[in-house]
Amino acid sequence: MRFATFVHNGKRQVGQVSADGQQLTAFVLTDAQTRHGAQCLIDAMVAGQPLPALAKESLPLSSVQLEAPLPIPRRNVWCVGRNYHAHAKELQASVFKDSNTDAKAWPIVFTKVPECVVGPTDDVQLPGATVSEQIDYEAELAVVIGQGGKNIRQADAMQHVFGYTVVNDVTARDVQMRHQQWDMGKSFDSFCPMGPWLVTADEVDGRKTRVRCWVNGELRQDGPTENMIFDIPTLIETISRGITLYPGDIIATGTPAGVGMGLNPPRYIAKGDVIRVEIDGVGHIENRFV
């Protein structure tokens, strides 16, 4: 199934996406239930409850404004740095000379604040040259947790995956380097476009899909998730060590090679750039930077 959060006639709704991706059927929910988007559906399914009733009529996708499937995440978005072999290699000549290439090492984990999440077609706000001059894109597959847990074993980890969505882990590289810990450079307002919907794990296997990114129509990133240094079960095991994961928690799993910082010379995002991120079996997002 695919669950979308959207606005129709000025009201936030949560619905089921048709098989062809052209229609939406809203669930019958209260405003309080839809405040956090698809979170209410995750909670219901994890608890073994039936999904809410569907409205009698469907809506054309073209008639609604899609939002992030989880427009107000319950807490910070978990993120993983340098998690594709080729991406780690491309940054070896940059300031990140200690890039992880050893599969026995620990993954780099940081977070983005919930308030930086925006929708799949929303504008992303460039902060201005006095704040940062090195804004970069990072196309990523995001895992959404279903059944929560603590100290989850790698062998059991996929049972805790509810589904997947698409994110662009937008980054202020100079701020990221300045503060060494990455949260500030990753958490500017609107720096986490997400969507277009949430696809349940029975429809796609995040361990075997493909992540691509275009900048103004130019293909920059193209990598299979099989090339992750730390696969999804390893990430879930690592992040849940001593920390309880909850239904609806989001884990952005890292980006393939081809980021602006990794090019020679680097090519950072400029005003007016349009960036499209697409993941096979999940969908695409496309955002203009203004």
Protein backbone atom coordinates (compact mmCIF):
# COMPACT_ATOMS: atom_id res chain seq x y z
CA MET A 1 0.00 0.00 0.00
CA ARG A 2 0.94 3.61 -0.48
CA PHE A 3 -0.21 6.25 2.01
CA ALA A 4 -0.12 9.95 1.17
CA THR A 5 -0.68 13.09 3.20
CA PHE A 6 -2.23 15.89 1.18
CA VAL A 7 -4.21 19.11 1.28
CA HIS A 8 -7.57 19.36 -0.49
CA ASN A 9 -9.86 22.38 -0.20
CA GLY A 10 -7.59 23.79 2.49
CA LYS A 11 -7.79 20.70 4.70
CA ARG A 12 -5.06 18.18 5.48
CA GLN A 13 -6.09 14.62 4.73
CA VAL A 14 -4.43 11.20 4.64
CA GLY A 15 -5.30 8.77 1.90
CA GLN A 16 -4.49 5.60 0.04
CA VAL A 17 -2.87 5.94 -3.38
CA SER A 18 -4.25 3.93 -6.27
CA ALA A 19 -2.13 1.28 -7.97
CA ASP A 20 -1.51 3.56 -10.97
CA GLY A 21 -0.56 6.49 -8.75
CA GLN A 22 -3.21 8.75 -10.27
CA GLN A 23 -5.96 8.68 -7.62
CA LEU A 24 -6.21 9.24 -3.89
CA THR A 25 -8.94 7.98 -1.57
CA ALA A 26 -9.02 9.73 1.79
CA PHE A 27 -9.44 7.90 5.07
CA VAL A 28 -12.22 9.13 7.33
CA LEU A 29 -10.18 10.82 10.05
CA THR A 30 -10.45 13.72 12.48
CA ASP A 31 -8.29 16.84 12.22
CA ALA A 32 -6.38 15.66 15.29
CA GLN A 33 -5.59 12.35 13.60
CA THR A 34 -4.35 13.98 10.39
CA ARG A 35 -2.11 16.52 12.14
CA HIS A 36 0.84 14.14 11.94
CA GLY A 37 -0.08 12.73 8.55
CA ALA A 38 0.31 8.98 8.07
CA GLN A 39 1.51 8.51 11.66
CA CYS A 40 -2.04 7.54 12.69
CA LEU A 41 -2.07 4.71 10.12
CA ILE A 42 1.32 3.42 11.28
CA ASP A 43 0.12 3.41 14.87
CA ALA A 44 -3.08 1.57 13.96
CA MET A 45 -1.36 -1.11 11.91
CA VAL A 46 1.37 -1.69 14.51
CA ALA A 47 -1.34 -2.11 17.15
CA GLY A 48 -3.12 -4.65 14.97
CA GLN A 49 -6.13 -2.40 14.48
CA PRO A 50 -8.06 -2.13 11.22
CA LEU A 51 -7.39 0.87 9.03
CA PRO A 52 -10.01 3.64 9.16
CA ALA A 53 -12.81 3.60 6.63
CA LEU A 54 -12.18 5.10 3.20
CA ALA A 55 -14.25 7.88 1.67
CA LYS A 56 -16.72 6.82 -0.99
CA GLU A 57 -15.15 8.91 -3.74
CA SER A 58 -11.57 9.20 -4.93
CA LEU A 59 -9.70 12.35 -5.92
CA PRO A 60 -7.40 12.85 -8.90
CA LEU A 61 -3.83 13.27 -7.75
CA SER A 62 -3.67 16.42 -9.87
CA SER A 63 -6.35 18.06 -7.71
CA VAL A 64 -4.44 17.91 -4.41
CA GLN A 65 -1.25 19.32 -2.91
CA LEU A 66 0.95 16.51 -1.64
CA GLU A 67 2.71 17.01 1.68
CA ALA A 68 5.43 14.93 3.28
CA PRO A 69 3.82 11.65 4.37
CA LEU A 70 4.98 12.47 7.93
CA PRO A 71 4.84 16.30 7.82
CA ILE A 72 5.56 16.60 11.54
CA PRO A 73 7.83 13.68 12.48
CA ARG A 74 7.50 12.61 16.09
CA ARG A 75 11.17 13.51 16.66
CA ASN A 76 14.40 14.20 14.80
CA VAL A 77 15.06 12.33 11.57
CA TRP A 78 17.90 9.83 11.99
CA CYS A 79 20.49 10.13 9.20
CA VAL A 80 23.55 8.19 8.09
CA GLY A 81 26.64 9.75 6.54
CA ARG A 82 28.92 8.37 3.82
CA ASN A 83 27.12 5.05 3.51
CA TYR A 84 27.83 4.17 -0.13
CA HIS A 85 31.30 2.93 -1.13
CA ALA A 86 31.60 5.26 -4.14
CA HIS A 87 30.36 8.27 -2.18
CA ALA A 88 32.90 7.65 0.58
CA LYS A 89 35.60 7.41 -2.08
CA GLU A 90 34.59 10.64 -3.84
CA LEU A 91 34.97 12.58 -0.57
CA GLN A 92 38.44 11.22 0.21
CA ALA A 93 39.99 14.20 -1.58
CA SER A 94 37.78 16.68 0.30
CA VAL A 95 37.91 17.86 3.90
CA PHE A 96 36.34 14.50 4.82
CA LYS A 97 39.60 12.62 4.36
CA ASP A 98 38.71 10.07 7.03
CA SER A 99 35.79 8.72 5.02
CA ASN A 100 34.39 5.37 6.16
CA THR A 101 35.36 2.66 3.70
CA ASP A 102 35.89 -0.15 6.23
CA ALA A 103 32.74 -2.23 6.59
CA LYS A 104 33.86 -3.17 10.10
CA ALA A 105 33.78 0.47 11.26
CA TRP A 106 30.78 2.14 12.86
CA PRO A 107 28.36 4.12 10.70
CA ILE A 108 28.25 7.91 11.02
CA VAL A 109 24.89 8.87 12.53
CA PHE A 110 23.43 12.37 12.95
CA THR A 111 19.95 13.92 12.95
CA LYS A 112 17.86 16.60 11.29
CA VAL A 113 15.23 18.51 13.28
CA PRO A 114 11.57 17.65 12.50
CA GLU A 115 10.80 21.24 11.49
CA CYS A 116 13.05 21.04 8.41
CA VAL A 117 10.70 18.54 6.70
CA VAL A 118 8.75 19.88 3.70
CA GLY A 119 6.69 18.30 0.95
CA PRO A 120 7.70 16.56 -2.27
CA THR A 121 7.15 19.62 -4.49
CA ASP A 122 7.65 22.45 -1.99
CA ASP A 123 10.27 25.14 -2.53
CA VAL A 124 13.47 24.82 -0.52
CA GLN A 125 14.72 28.06 0.97
CA LEU A 126 18.36 28.96 0.37
CA PRO A 127 19.60 30.67 3.54
CA GLY A 128 21.62 33.44 1.88
CA ALA A 129 25.36 33.90 1.35
CA THR A 130 25.94 35.37 4.81
CA VAL A 131 24.78 32.05 6.31
CA SER A 132 26.09 29.51 3.79
CA GLU A 133 27.51 29.53 0.26
CA GLN A 134 27.81 25.76 -0.12
CA ILE A 135 24.35 24.18 -0.24
CA ASP A 136 24.43 20.58 -1.48
CA TYR A 137 21.94 17.83 -2.35
CA GLU A 138 21.90 14.23 -1.13
CA ALA A 139 19.35 11.80 -2.62
CA GLU A 140 18.38 9.16 -0.08
CA LEU A 141 16.09 6.26 0.67
CA ALA A 142 14.36 6.73 4.03
CA VAL A 143 13.23 3.81 6.18
CA VAL A 144 10.13 4.32 8.33
CA ILE A 145 9.95 2.20 11.47
CA GLY A 146 6.80 0.22 12.26
CA GLN A 147 7.14 -1.96 15.32
CA GLY A 148 9.44 -0.14 17.71
CA GLY A 149 12.10 -1.65 19.88
CA LYS A 150 15.44 -1.33 21.64
CA ASN A 151 18.61 -3.32 21.02
CA ILE A 152 17.05 -4.79 17.88
CA ARG A 153 19.09 -7.65 16.42
CA GLN A 154 20.25 -7.37 12.83
CA ALA A 155 18.54 -10.68 12.06
CA ASP A 156 15.19 -9.28 13.23
CA ALA A 157 15.56 -5.73 11.93
CA MET A 158 13.50 -5.98 8.73
CA GLN A 159 10.48 -7.02 10.80
CA HIS A 160 10.60 -3.50 12.27
CA VAL A 161 10.40 -1.74 8.88
CA PHE A 162 6.97 -0.31 8.12
CA GLY A 163 7.91 1.15 4.77
CA TYR A 164 9.93 3.64 2.74
CA THR A 165 9.87 7.16 1.41
CA VAL A 166 12.21 9.52 -0.50
CA VAL A 167 14.23 12.35 1.04
CA ASN A 168 16.75 14.92 -0.09
CA ASP A 169 19.18 15.43 2.80
CA VAL A 170 20.00 19.03 1.87
CA THR A 171 23.24 20.16 3.49
CA ALA A 172 25.12 23.40 4.12
CA ARG A 173 28.63 22.03 3.64
CA ASP A 174 30.53 25.02 5.08
CA VAL A 175 28.32 25.00 8.18
CA GLN A 176 28.70 21.23 8.44
CA MET A 177 32.50 21.59 8.45
CA ARG A 178 32.55 24.64 10.70
CA HIS A 179 30.72 22.95 13.56
CA GLN A 180 32.16 19.44 12.99
CA GLN A 181 29.02 17.83 14.38
CA TRP A 182 26.59 17.91 11.50
CA ASP A 183 23.14 18.68 12.92
CA MET A 184 23.23 22.46 12.31
CA GLY A 185 24.37 22.22 8.69
CA LYS A 186 21.67 19.63 8.02
CA SER A 187 18.73 21.24 9.81
CA PHE A 188 18.05 24.60 8.14
CA ASP A 189 14.40 25.37 7.50
CA SER A 190 13.04 23.30 4.55
CA PHE A 191 16.25 21.19 4.28
CA CYS A 192 14.42 17.83 4.25
CA PRO A 193 12.05 17.49 1.28
CA MET A 194 10.19 14.20 1.68
CA GLY A 195 7.61 12.16 -0.21
CA PRO A 196 5.76 11.67 -2.37
CA TRP A 197 4.15 9.07 -0.11
CA LEU A 198 4.92 6.20 2.22
CA VAL A 199 5.20 2.79 0.55
CA THR A 200 4.74 -0.24 2.80
CA ALA A 201 7.51 -2.83 3.02
CA ASP A 202 5.44 -5.53 1.33
CA GLU A 203 5.60 -3.56 -1.94
CA VAL A 204 9.33 -2.78 -2.14
CA ASP A 205 12.55 -4.09 -0.61
CA GLY A 206 14.76 -1.15 0.30
CA ARG A 207 17.80 -3.42 0.23
CA LYS A 208 17.36 -3.93 -3.52
CA THR A 209 16.35 -0.71 -5.18
CA ARG A 210 17.96 2.24 -6.96
CA VAL A 211 18.48 5.89 -5.94
CA ARG A 212 18.85 8.61 -8.58
CA CYS A 213 19.11 12.40 -8.56
CA TRP A 214 18.88 15.00 -11.33
CA VAL A 215 19.94 18.65 -11.06
CA ASN A 216 18.19 20.76 -13.70
CA GLY A 217 17.67 17.60 -15.75
CA GLU A 218 21.30 16.43 -15.49
CA LEU A 219 21.70 13.01 -13.89
CA ARG A 220 24.16 13.42 -11.02
CA GLN A 221 23.53 10.42 -8.74
CA ASP A 222 22.66 6.84 -9.64
CA GLY A 223 23.34 4.06 -7.17
CA PRO A 224 21.82 0.73 -6.11
CA THR A 225 21.11 0.33 -2.41
CA GLU A 226 23.07 -2.93 -2.54
CA ASN A 227 26.16 -0.67 -2.56
CA MET A 228 25.54 0.59 0.97
CA ILE A 229 28.47 0.08 3.32
CA PHE A 230 26.05 -0.53 6.20
CA ASP A 231 22.81 -2.17 5.06
CA ILE A 232 19.38 -1.43 6.49
CA PRO A 233 19.41 -4.20 9.14
CA THR A 234 22.82 -3.02 10.36
CA LEU A 235 21.61 0.57 10.60
CA ILE A 236 18.54 -0.41 12.60
CA GLU A 237 20.62 -2.57 14.92
CA THR A 238 23.14 0.23 15.43
CA ILE A 239 20.69 3.08 16.00
CA SER A 240 18.57 1.01 18.41
CA ARG A 241 21.53 0.15 20.65
CA GLY A 242 20.45 1.58 23.99
CA ILE A 243 17.91 3.82 22.23
CA THR A 244 14.27 2.88 21.79
CA LEU A 245 12.96 3.30 18.26
CA TYR A 246 9.27 4.18 17.95
CA PRO A 247 6.65 3.67 15.23
CA GLY A 248 7.07 6.43 12.66
CA ASP A 249 10.77 7.03 13.32
CA ILE A 250 12.58 7.88 10.08
CA ILE A 251 16.08 6.73 9.11
CA ALA A 252 17.67 8.35 6.03
CA THR A 253 20.14 5.72 4.84
CA GLY A 254 22.84 7.76 3.10
CA THR A 255 23.48 9.00 -0.43
CA PRO A 256 25.24 7.58 -3.51
CA ALA A 257 28.18 9.22 -5.26
CA GLY A 258 27.64 12.39 -7.28
CA VAL A 259 27.00 15.09 -4.68
CA GLY A 260 28.02 18.63 -5.58
CA MET A 261 30.90 18.65 -3.10
CA GLY A 262 32.36 15.52 -4.72
CA LEU A 263 32.60 17.03 -8.22
CA ASN A 264 35.78 18.66 -9.55
CA PRO A 265 35.36 21.55 -9.14
CA PRO A 266 32.49 21.35 -6.62
CA ARG A 267 29.08 22.45 -7.94
CA TYR A 268 26.78 23.70 -5.23
CA ILE A 269 23.08 24.53 -5.50
CA ALA A 270 22.18 27.93 -6.94
CA LYS A 271 18.97 29.94 -6.82
CA GLY A 272 16.45 28.50 -9.29
CA ASP A 273 17.94 25.01 -9.42
CA VAL A 274 15.41 22.16 -9.59
CA ILE A 275 16.42 18.87 -8.01
CA ARG A 276 14.58 15.61 -8.61
CA VAL A 277 15.18 12.52 -6.48
CA GLU A 278 13.68 9.21 -7.59
CA ILE A 279 13.78 5.76 -6.02
CA ASP A 280 12.57 2.71 -7.92
CA GLY A 281 9.40 1.27 -6.41
CA VAL A 282 8.88 4.28 -4.13
CA GLY A 283 8.42 7.42 -6.25
CA HIS A 284 10.01 10.81 -6.81
CA ILE A 285 10.21 14.28 -5.31
CA GLU A 286 11.10 17.45 -7.19
CA ASN A 287 11.93 20.75 -5.48
CA ARG A 288 12.97 24.21 -6.63
CA PHE A 289 15.57 26.09 -4.58
CA VAL A 290 14.66 29.73 -4.06
